[in-house]
N, C-alpha and C. Protein backbone atom coordinates (compact mmCIF):
# COMPACT_ATOMS: atom_id res chain seq x y z
N MET A 1 178.68 96.06 87.92
CA MET A 1 177.69 97.03 87.48
C MET A 1 176.41 97.02 87.98
N VAL A 2 176.32 98.21 88.55
CA VAL A 2 174.75 98.30 89.56
C VAL A 2 174.04 98.79 88.35
N ILE A 3 172.26 97.91 88.59
CA ILE A 3 171.61 98.53 87.84
C ILE A 3 170.26 98.91 88.69
N GLU A 4 170.10 100.35 88.28
CA GLU A 4 169.13 100.95 89.45
C GLU A 4 167.68 100.81 88.63
N MET A 5 166.75 100.25 89.71
CA MET A 5 165.59 100.32 88.97
C MET A 5 164.86 101.45 89.37
N SER A 6 163.92 101.61 88.35
CA SER A 6 163.04 103.43 88.56
C SER A 6 162.07 102.88 89.49
N HIS A 7 161.97 103.77 90.79
CA HIS A 7 160.88 103.56 91.70
C HIS A 7 160.04 104.43 91.45
N LYS A 8 158.69 103.80 91.17
CA LYS A 8 157.68 104.63 90.63
C LYS A 8 156.80 104.92 91.88
N ASN A 9 156.95 106.48 92.05
CA ASN A 9 155.87 107.25 93.13
C ASN A 9 154.41 106.20 93.29
N SER A 10 153.99 106.14 94.42
CA SER A 10 152.95 105.28 94.84
C SER A 10 151.48 106.14 95.14
N TYR A 11 151.82 107.64 95.23
CA TYR A 11 150.82 108.37 95.58
C TYR A 11 150.23 108.78 94.41
N MET A 12 149.11 109.19 94.20
CA MET A 12 148.05 109.83 93.58
C MET A 12 147.62 110.80 93.76
N PHE A 13 147.92 112.14 93.21
CA PHE A 13 147.21 113.19 93.73
C PHE A 13 145.90 113.71 92.79
N THR A 14 144.74 113.78 93.36
CA THR A 14 143.55 114.16 92.51
C THR A 14 142.82 115.02 93.41
N ASN A 15 141.99 115.85 92.76
CA ASN A 15 141.42 116.79 93.67
C ASN A 15 139.20 116.32 93.46
N LYS A 16 139.67 115.02 93.23
CA LYS A 16 138.34 114.24 93.46
C LYS A 16 138.08 114.06 95.22
N SER A 17 136.63 114.25 95.17
CA SER A 17 136.15 114.04 96.58
C SER A 17 135.26 113.00 96.38
N HIS A 18 134.90 112.39 97.89
CA HIS A 18 133.46 111.34 97.72
C HIS A 18 132.16 112.46 97.77
N THR A 19 131.02 112.07 97.18
CA THR A 19 129.83 113.11 97.27
C THR A 19 129.44 113.28 98.90
N GLN A 20 128.74 114.56 98.97
CA GLN A 20 128.16 114.21 100.12
C GLN A 20 126.76 113.86 100.09
N LYS A 21 126.10 113.85 98.77
CA LYS A 21 124.84 113.11 98.91
C LYS A 21 124.95 111.38 99.01
N GLY A 22 126.03 110.82 98.55
CA GLY A 22 126.66 109.27 98.27
C GLY A 22 126.65 108.90 100.24
N ILE A 23 127.29 110.15 100.80
CA ILE A 23 127.38 110.04 102.25
C ILE A 23 126.44 109.92 102.75
N MET A 24 125.32 110.93 102.73
CA MET A 24 124.16 110.69 103.26
C MET A 24 123.20 109.34 103.24
N ALA A 25 123.14 109.20 101.28
CA ALA A 25 122.56 108.08 101.34
C ALA A 25 123.17 106.65 102.15
N THR A 26 124.76 106.83 102.57
CA THR A 26 124.93 105.51 103.15
C THR A 26 124.58 105.51 104.51
N ILE A 27 124.86 106.77 105.03
CA ILE A 27 124.16 106.88 106.44
C ILE A 27 122.69 106.82 106.75
N LEU A 28 121.91 107.16 105.73
CA LEU A 28 120.48 106.81 105.72
C LEU A 28 120.41 105.06 105.76
N GLY A 29 121.23 104.55 104.98
CA GLY A 29 121.15 102.71 104.60
C GLY A 29 121.51 102.12 106.09
N VAL A 30 122.85 102.69 106.75
CA VAL A 30 122.86 102.27 107.95
C VAL A 30 121.92 102.11 109.15
N ILE A 31 121.30 103.71 109.23
CA ILE A 31 120.41 103.90 110.27
C ILE A 31 119.05 103.06 110.39
N SER A 32 118.80 102.81 108.32
CA SER A 32 117.63 101.59 108.31
C SER A 32 117.78 100.33 108.49
N LEU A 33 118.97 99.70 108.35
CA LEU A 33 119.31 98.71 108.53
C LEU A 33 119.35 98.46 110.23
N ILE A 34 120.18 99.23 110.81
CA ILE A 34 119.96 98.95 112.28
C ILE A 34 118.56 98.53 113.29
N THR A 35 117.76 99.94 112.30
CA THR A 35 116.20 99.99 112.65
C THR A 35 115.64 99.23 112.58
N LEU A 36 115.77 98.07 111.40
CA LEU A 36 115.13 96.90 110.95
C LEU A 36 115.39 96.02 111.72
N VAL A 37 116.74 95.66 112.03
CA VAL A 37 117.55 94.77 112.98
C VAL A 37 117.09 94.75 114.53
N TYR A 38 116.84 95.95 115.00
CA TYR A 38 116.57 96.37 116.31
C TYR A 38 115.04 95.90 116.25
N THR A 39 114.44 96.30 115.53
CA THR A 39 112.69 96.04 115.42
C THR A 39 112.46 94.35 115.22
N LEU A 40 113.28 93.61 114.37
CA LEU A 40 113.14 92.24 114.05
C LEU A 40 113.33 91.68 115.55
N VAL A 41 114.33 91.65 116.25
CA VAL A 41 114.84 91.36 117.29
C VAL A 41 113.87 91.50 118.24
N MET A 42 113.47 92.71 118.77
CA MET A 42 112.36 93.18 119.52
C MET A 42 110.88 92.49 119.40
N SER A 43 110.84 92.23 118.48
CA SER A 43 109.61 91.72 117.95
C SER A 43 109.74 90.26 118.24
N TYR A 44 110.72 89.33 117.70
CA TYR A 44 110.81 88.18 117.89
C TYR A 44 110.98 87.58 119.77
N ARG A 45 111.75 88.46 120.68
CA ARG A 45 111.67 88.46 121.67
C ARG A 45 110.20 88.75 122.48
N SER A 46 109.29 89.36 121.73
CA SER A 46 108.02 89.63 122.57
C SER A 46 107.08 88.93 122.01
N ALA A 47 107.57 87.58 120.95
CA ALA A 47 106.84 86.48 120.41
C ALA A 47 105.42 87.06 119.57
N GLY A 48 105.59 88.29 118.87
CA GLY A 48 105.09 89.07 117.83
C GLY A 48 104.11 89.63 118.35
N GLN A 49 104.09 89.92 119.21
CA GLN A 49 103.10 90.67 120.31
C GLN A 49 103.44 92.17 120.12
N ILE A 50 103.91 92.89 119.15
CA ILE A 50 104.47 94.25 118.85
C ILE A 50 103.82 95.45 118.99
N PRO A 51 104.11 96.52 119.60
CA PRO A 51 103.35 98.07 119.81
C PRO A 51 103.26 98.65 118.38
N GLY A 52 102.68 99.50 118.26
CA GLY A 52 102.56 100.14 117.04
C GLY A 52 103.86 101.41 116.90
N GLN A 53 104.59 101.18 117.70
CA GLN A 53 106.04 101.90 117.57
C GLN A 53 106.71 101.39 116.63
N TYR A 54 106.97 100.38 116.43
CA TYR A 54 107.40 99.11 115.50
C TYR A 54 107.07 99.15 114.33
N GLY A 55 105.82 99.48 114.29
CA GLY A 55 105.22 99.67 112.68
C GLY A 55 105.81 101.23 112.04
N ALA A 56 105.68 102.19 113.11
CA ALA A 56 105.80 103.25 112.74
C ALA A 56 107.39 103.57 112.40
N ALA A 57 107.99 102.93 112.77
CA ALA A 57 109.63 103.10 112.80
C ALA A 57 109.74 102.20 111.36
N ALA A 58 108.96 101.14 111.10
CA ALA A 58 109.14 100.43 109.76
C ALA A 58 108.65 101.26 108.81
N LEU A 59 107.60 101.75 109.08
CA LEU A 59 107.05 103.19 108.10
C LEU A 59 108.59 104.49 107.45
N LEU A 60 108.99 104.72 108.84
CA LEU A 60 109.95 105.36 108.81
C LEU A 60 111.41 104.88 107.92
N VAL A 61 111.86 103.65 108.02
CA VAL A 61 112.80 103.22 107.33
C VAL A 61 112.34 103.06 106.05
N THR A 62 111.09 102.76 105.71
CA THR A 62 110.86 102.95 104.21
C THR A 62 110.95 103.86 103.80
N ILE A 63 110.67 104.92 104.45
CA ILE A 63 110.80 106.78 103.97
C ILE A 63 112.49 106.66 103.62
N PHE A 64 113.03 106.26 104.71
CA PHE A 64 114.26 106.91 104.72
C PHE A 64 115.29 105.89 103.46
N ALA A 65 114.63 104.48 103.43
CA ALA A 65 115.50 103.86 102.21
C ALA A 65 114.94 104.42 100.90
N PHE A 66 113.94 104.92 100.69
CA PHE A 66 113.61 105.36 99.67
C PHE A 66 114.23 106.75 99.23
N VAL A 67 114.47 107.82 100.28
CA VAL A 67 115.48 109.18 100.44
C VAL A 67 116.98 108.81 99.63
N GLY A 68 117.31 107.26 100.35
CA GLY A 68 118.45 106.89 100.59
C GLY A 68 118.94 106.60 99.12
N VAL A 69 117.91 105.83 98.51
CA VAL A 69 118.30 105.37 96.89
C VAL A 69 118.11 106.69 96.00
N GLY A 70 117.21 107.79 96.49
CA GLY A 70 117.16 108.56 95.29
C GLY A 70 118.18 109.75 95.22
N LEU A 71 119.11 109.87 96.90
CA LEU A 71 120.24 110.20 96.90
C LEU A 71 121.77 109.73 96.56
N GLY A 72 121.69 108.54 96.59
CA GLY A 72 122.63 107.91 95.66
C GLY A 72 122.58 107.80 94.60
N MET A 73 121.44 107.81 94.12
CA MET A 73 121.01 107.95 92.31
C MET A 73 121.82 109.28 91.58
N VAL A 74 121.33 110.37 92.38
CA VAL A 74 121.47 111.43 92.21
C VAL A 74 123.17 112.01 92.57
N SER A 75 123.88 111.71 93.23
CA SER A 75 125.17 111.80 93.89
C SER A 75 126.13 110.66 92.67
N ARG A 76 125.30 110.10 92.27
CA ARG A 76 126.20 108.92 90.98
C ARG A 76 126.25 110.10 89.76
N THR A 77 125.20 110.86 89.64
CA THR A 77 125.63 111.50 88.49
C THR A 77 126.66 112.96 88.23
N GLU A 78 127.13 113.16 89.57
CA GLU A 78 127.86 114.17 89.95
C GLU A 78 129.40 113.63 89.10
N ARG A 79 129.74 114.73 88.41
CA ARG A 79 131.39 114.23 87.51
C ARG A 79 132.15 114.46 88.65
N ASP A 80 133.39 114.28 87.99
CA ASP A 80 134.76 114.02 88.99
C ASP A 80 135.04 113.65 90.44
N LYS A 81 134.00 112.95 90.73
CA LYS A 81 134.22 112.32 92.14
C LYS A 81 133.91 111.09 92.19
N PHE A 82 134.48 110.39 93.54
CA PHE A 82 134.34 109.07 93.96
C PHE A 82 133.22 108.81 93.98
N TYR A 83 132.60 107.31 93.63
CA TYR A 83 131.29 107.09 93.83
C TYR A 83 131.43 105.95 94.67
N PHE A 84 131.96 105.52 95.35
CA PHE A 84 132.19 104.33 96.67
C PHE A 84 131.05 104.31 97.70
N PHE A 85 130.75 105.50 98.05
CA PHE A 85 129.60 106.09 98.95
C PHE A 85 128.12 106.05 98.40
N SER A 86 128.17 106.29 96.80
CA SER A 86 127.00 106.37 95.94
C SER A 86 126.21 104.91 95.84
N TYR A 87 127.59 104.27 95.59
CA TYR A 87 126.92 102.32 95.09
C TYR A 87 126.82 101.92 96.63
N LEU A 88 127.56 102.49 97.77
CA LEU A 88 127.23 101.48 98.99
C LEU A 88 125.91 102.12 99.62
N GLY A 89 125.16 103.44 99.22
CA GLY A 89 124.44 104.01 99.97
C GLY A 89 123.29 103.20 99.28
N ILE A 90 123.27 103.21 97.53
CA ILE A 90 121.91 102.58 96.77
C ILE A 90 122.24 101.27 97.27
N PHE A 91 123.33 100.23 97.28
CA PHE A 91 123.35 99.10 98.05
C PHE A 91 122.35 98.87 99.39
N LEU A 92 122.70 99.63 100.46
CA LEU A 92 122.37 99.44 101.60
C LEU A 92 120.98 99.83 101.70
N ASN A 93 120.16 100.64 100.93
CA ASN A 93 119.06 100.82 101.04
C ASN A 93 118.02 100.18 100.28
N VAL A 94 118.36 99.48 99.09
CA VAL A 94 117.59 98.47 98.38
C VAL A 94 117.50 97.43 99.20
N LEU A 95 119.02 96.96 100.13
CA LEU A 95 118.43 95.90 101.05
C LEU A 95 117.43 96.01 102.13
N ALA A 96 117.34 97.31 102.53
CA ALA A 96 116.59 97.71 103.81
C ALA A 96 114.89 97.43 102.66
N LEU A 97 114.93 98.02 101.70
CA LEU A 97 113.53 98.03 100.70
C LEU A 97 113.23 96.69 100.82
N MET A 98 114.52 95.76 100.14
CA MET A 98 113.92 94.49 100.26
C MET A 98 113.54 93.73 101.23
N ILE A 99 114.25 94.14 102.23
CA ILE A 99 113.85 93.38 103.58
C ILE A 99 112.14 93.67 104.36
N ILE A 100 111.96 94.95 104.04
CA ILE A 100 110.65 95.40 104.45
C ILE A 100 109.46 94.71 103.36
N SER A 101 109.99 94.34 102.18
CA SER A 101 108.88 93.93 101.21
C SER A 101 108.87 92.30 101.97
N ALA A 102 109.73 91.83 102.01
CA ALA A 102 109.90 90.35 102.84
C ALA A 102 109.27 90.58 103.73
N ILE A 103 109.20 91.34 104.89
CA ILE A 103 107.94 91.32 106.30
C ILE A 103 106.67 91.56 105.50
N LEU A 104 106.63 92.48 104.91
CA LEU A 104 104.93 92.72 104.25
C LEU A 104 104.88 91.48 103.79
N TYR A 105 105.47 90.92 102.92
CA TYR A 105 104.91 89.66 102.24
C TYR A 105 104.61 88.35 103.12
N ALA A 106 105.44 87.99 103.67
CA ALA A 106 105.45 87.43 105.11
C ALA A 106 104.35 87.31 106.09
N GLY A 107 104.11 88.69 106.02
CA GLY A 107 102.68 89.11 106.88
C GLY A 107 101.52 89.06 106.09
N ALA A 108 101.25 89.28 104.93
CA ALA A 108 100.09 89.45 103.69
C ALA A 108 99.71 87.81 104.06
N TYR A 109 100.83 86.97 103.49
CA TYR A 109 100.47 85.63 103.10
C TYR A 109 100.79 84.16 104.36
N GLU A 110 101.29 84.99 105.32
CA GLU A 110 101.18 84.33 106.71
C GLU A 110 102.40 82.82 106.90
N ILE A 111 103.27 83.33 106.05
CA ILE A 111 104.43 82.22 105.89
C ILE A 111 105.30 82.33 106.95
N GLY A 112 105.40 81.09 107.56
CA GLY A 112 106.39 80.81 108.61
C GLY A 112 105.23 79.90 109.76
C-alpha cells in the first residue's frame, strides 16, 4: 500500500509590492548613516580639528533623516503593500537622528 502525501505548493502569488516611499526612506537612511560614519572617522583622524564642511554634512544628515522618517511613516499608511522597507527606513533614520543627538549632547556637555 502506497500512501501519497499531498504536496502543497510553496508559491504564493500576490499583487502586493514594496512601497516606493519606503524604499526611498531606506535609501535616505543608508546615505545618512554612511555620511555620519565617514564624518566621524575623518573627524577622529584629524584629532577633532574639523572643517566646516563636516558640520554642513551633519546638517544635511539631519534633514535627510527627518525626511526619511516622514516618508517611512507615510509609506506605512499605504494599503495592500509590503512594509519591510518602510520599517527599515524608519529604523535607519531614527538611528541616524539618535547618533546626531549623541554628538550634539557630547559637544554641548564636553563628554569624553
